[in-house]
Amino acid sequence: MDLYVDGAKYVIPYCDINGVWLQRPGGICTPRAYSCTLNINDKKPVFISSKNYDEAGDLVEQSNHYNSFVRVLHHHLQKQGRAQYKFGVQPLQYALRVVAIIAILGGFTLSYLYLNINQYLLAVPALLSLFVAVCGLNFCIANFPKGYRPENIPLQLLPSQI
């Protein structure tokens, strides 16, 4: 596979790709574009997005090119049989966000238990903790890292064809 970045050409053999991680946009905890991260043996991961910037600095939407790239990549990697295919939030980022949600809920609980504030004023931290719990549960369910088969790319991970 040939990748061109800032005028430089990088050749990455398909057999050196050991993982594909797809992400879709949506929410404050995910990228703003569809993206694909390629894990390559003994090298830094390669990040590919459905959006890019031209030489003038203007945002360029490349959904059709991204769609084609992801499908062709999966077709070639399927023959190799070595890559792992995942989607959702990366495990470390997922764990950090879950810890942040627990810390926020713990802070609200401690403020409820140890501060001698009017009970009506405690409704604010209670409502905020309920909001964080509901949003956190939604995040945890929707973005839990999952695997998929290369011949069955989940359609929500690809931009819709126009």
Protein backbone atom coordinates (compact mmCIF):
# COMPACT_ATOMS: atom_id res chain seq x y z
CA MET A 1 0.00 0.00 0.00
CA ASP A 2 1.35 3.45 -0.92
CA LEU A 3 0.58 6.44 1.30
CA TYR A 4 1.41 10.00 0.27
CA VAL A 5 1.86 12.52 3.09
CA ASP A 6 3.12 16.06 2.47
CA GLY A 7 4.78 15.05 -0.78
CA ALA A 8 6.52 12.02 0.72
CA LYS A 9 5.69 8.47 -0.30
CA TYR A 10 5.48 5.68 2.28
CA VAL A 11 5.21 2.04 1.24
CA ILE A 12 3.49 -0.20 3.78
CA PRO A 13 3.15 -3.89 2.90
CA TYR A 14 -0.29 -5.29 3.76
CA CYS A 15 1.38 -8.12 5.69
CA ASP A 16 2.84 -5.52 8.13
CA ILE A 17 -0.60 -4.20 9.11
CA ASN A 18 -1.69 -6.04 12.24
CA GLY A 19 -4.71 -3.99 13.26
CA VAL A 20 -7.45 -1.74 11.92
CA TRP A 21 -9.41 0.52 14.27
CA LEU A 22 -12.43 2.36 12.82
CA GLN A 23 -14.17 5.27 14.53
CA ARG A 24 -17.22 7.31 13.63
CA PRO A 25 -17.98 10.90 14.59
CA GLY A 26 -20.66 11.79 17.08
CA GLY A 27 -20.33 13.25 20.53
CA ILE A 28 -17.65 15.04 22.48
CA CYS A 29 -15.60 11.89 23.07
CA THR A 30 -15.09 10.84 19.46
CA PRO A 31 -13.29 12.33 16.46
CA ARG A 32 -15.06 14.91 14.28
CA ALA A 33 -14.69 12.77 11.16
CA TYR A 34 -14.81 9.10 10.24
CA SER A 35 -11.34 7.71 10.87
CA CYS A 36 -9.24 4.62 10.45
CA THR A 37 -6.12 3.88 12.49
CA LEU A 38 -3.75 1.30 11.07
CA ASN A 39 -1.45 -0.49 13.53
CA ILE A 40 1.74 -1.44 11.74
CA ASN A 41 4.40 -3.89 12.97
CA ASP A 42 7.28 -2.02 14.65
CA LYS A 43 6.10 1.42 13.49
CA LYS A 44 3.86 4.23 14.66
CA PRO A 45 0.14 3.90 13.92
CA VAL A 46 -1.16 5.61 10.77
CA PHE A 47 -4.29 7.79 11.18
CA ILE A 48 -6.52 8.29 8.13
CA SER A 49 -9.57 10.55 8.18
CA SER A 50 -12.56 11.20 5.94
CA LYS A 51 -11.76 14.93 6.15
CA ASN A 52 -8.59 16.70 5.14
CA TYR A 53 -7.26 20.19 4.49
CA ASP A 54 -6.17 21.50 1.09
CA GLU A 55 -3.15 23.71 0.49
CA ALA A 56 -5.21 26.83 1.23
CA GLY A 57 -6.17 25.43 4.65
CA ASP A 58 -9.81 24.80 3.72
CA LEU A 59 -11.56 21.70 5.00
CA VAL A 60 -12.16 19.08 2.29
CA GLU A 61 -14.71 16.30 2.78
CA GLN A 62 -13.47 13.05 1.21
CA SER A 63 -16.19 10.61 2.25
CA ASN A 64 -16.31 8.72 -1.04
CA HIS A 65 -12.51 8.30 -1.15
CA TYR A 66 -12.47 7.23 2.49
CA ASN A 67 -15.24 4.69 1.87
CA SER A 68 -13.37 3.20 -1.06
CA PHE A 69 -10.08 3.14 0.85
CA VAL A 70 -11.57 1.30 3.85
CA ARG A 71 -13.35 -1.28 1.69
CA VAL A 72 -10.30 -1.98 -0.51
CA LEU A 73 -8.04 -2.12 2.57
CA HIS A 74 -10.32 -4.71 4.19
CA HIS A 75 -10.45 -6.71 0.96
CA HIS A 76 -6.64 -6.90 0.76
CA LEU A 77 -6.14 -7.53 4.49
CA GLN A 78 -8.75 -10.28 4.49
CA LYS A 79 -6.43 -12.32 2.26
CA GLN A 80 -3.58 -11.90 4.77
CA GLY A 81 -5.70 -13.08 7.72
CA ARG A 82 -3.44 -11.50 10.39
CA ALA A 83 -5.04 -8.15 11.21
CA GLN A 84 -7.47 -7.55 14.05
CA TYR A 85 -10.53 -5.41 13.29
CA LYS A 86 -11.99 -3.21 16.02
CA PHE A 87 -14.21 -0.16 16.45
CA GLY A 88 -15.32 2.10 19.27
CA VAL A 89 -13.19 4.19 21.59
CA GLN A 90 -9.64 2.91 22.14
CA PRO A 91 -9.38 0.99 25.46
CA LEU A 92 -7.11 3.49 27.25
CA GLN A 93 -9.28 6.45 26.28
CA TYR A 94 -12.37 4.46 27.23
CA ALA A 95 -10.94 3.64 30.68
CA LEU A 96 -9.92 7.26 31.30
CA ARG A 97 -13.42 8.48 30.47
CA VAL A 98 -15.03 5.88 32.72
CA VAL A 99 -12.69 6.93 35.57
CA ALA A 100 -13.63 10.59 34.95
CA ILE A 101 -17.35 9.74 35.13
CA ILE A 102 -16.82 7.83 38.40
CA ALA A 103 -14.77 10.72 39.84
CA ILE A 104 -17.49 13.25 38.99
CA LEU A 105 -20.17 11.06 40.55
CA GLY A 106 -17.97 10.51 43.61
CA GLY A 107 -17.44 14.26 43.96
CA PHE A 108 -21.15 14.93 43.87
CA THR A 109 -21.80 12.13 46.37
CA LEU A 110 -19.15 13.44 48.76
CA SER A 111 -20.54 16.97 48.50
CA TYR A 112 -23.96 15.57 49.37
CA LEU A 113 -22.69 13.59 52.36
CA TYR A 114 -20.20 16.00 53.96
CA LEU A 115 -21.43 19.50 53.24
CA ASN A 116 -24.11 20.88 55.50
CA ILE A 117 -26.05 22.71 52.83
CA ASN A 118 -29.74 23.28 52.58
CA GLN A 119 -31.42 20.16 51.21
CA TYR A 120 -32.95 22.15 48.37
CA LEU A 121 -29.50 23.29 47.23
CA LEU A 122 -28.35 19.66 47.18
CA ALA A 123 -30.85 19.07 44.41
CA VAL A 124 -28.37 20.70 42.01
CA PRO A 125 -25.53 18.19 42.62
CA ALA A 126 -28.09 15.38 42.65
CA LEU A 127 -29.45 16.43 39.25
CA LEU A 128 -25.93 16.91 37.88
CA SER A 129 -24.87 13.46 39.07
CA LEU A 130 -27.98 11.93 37.51
CA PHE A 131 -27.15 13.70 34.23
CA VAL A 132 -23.52 12.49 34.35
CA ALA A 133 -24.66 8.94 35.18
CA VAL A 134 -27.14 8.80 32.27
CA CYS A 135 -24.72 10.37 29.77
CA GLY A 136 -21.89 8.18 31.08
CA LEU A 137 -23.93 5.01 30.75
CA ASN A 138 -24.93 6.01 27.23
CA PHE A 139 -21.25 6.64 26.36
CA CYS A 140 -20.15 3.32 27.88
CA ILE A 141 -22.73 1.31 25.96
CA ALA A 142 -22.36 3.12 22.62
CA ASN A 143 -18.55 3.31 22.54
CA PHE A 144 -17.42 0.06 24.13
CA PRO A 145 -14.57 -1.36 22.01
CA LYS A 146 -15.85 -4.17 19.79
CA GLY A 147 -14.51 -6.40 17.04
CA TYR A 148 -15.92 -7.16 13.60
CA ARG A 149 -15.16 -9.38 10.63
CA PRO A 150 -13.45 -7.78 7.60
CA GLU A 151 -16.14 -8.98 5.19
CA ASN A 152 -18.82 -7.41 7.41
CA ILE A 153 -17.78 -3.80 8.02
CA PRO A 154 -20.49 -2.18 10.19
CA LEU A 155 -22.21 0.43 8.03
CA GLN A 156 -22.33 3.00 10.86
CA LEU A 157 -18.51 3.16 10.64
CA LEU A 158 -18.60 4.40 7.04
CA PRO A 159 -19.91 7.72 5.78
CA SER A 160 -23.14 7.32 3.81
CA GLN A 161 -22.73 7.25 0.05
CA ILE A 162 -24.19 10.23 -1.77
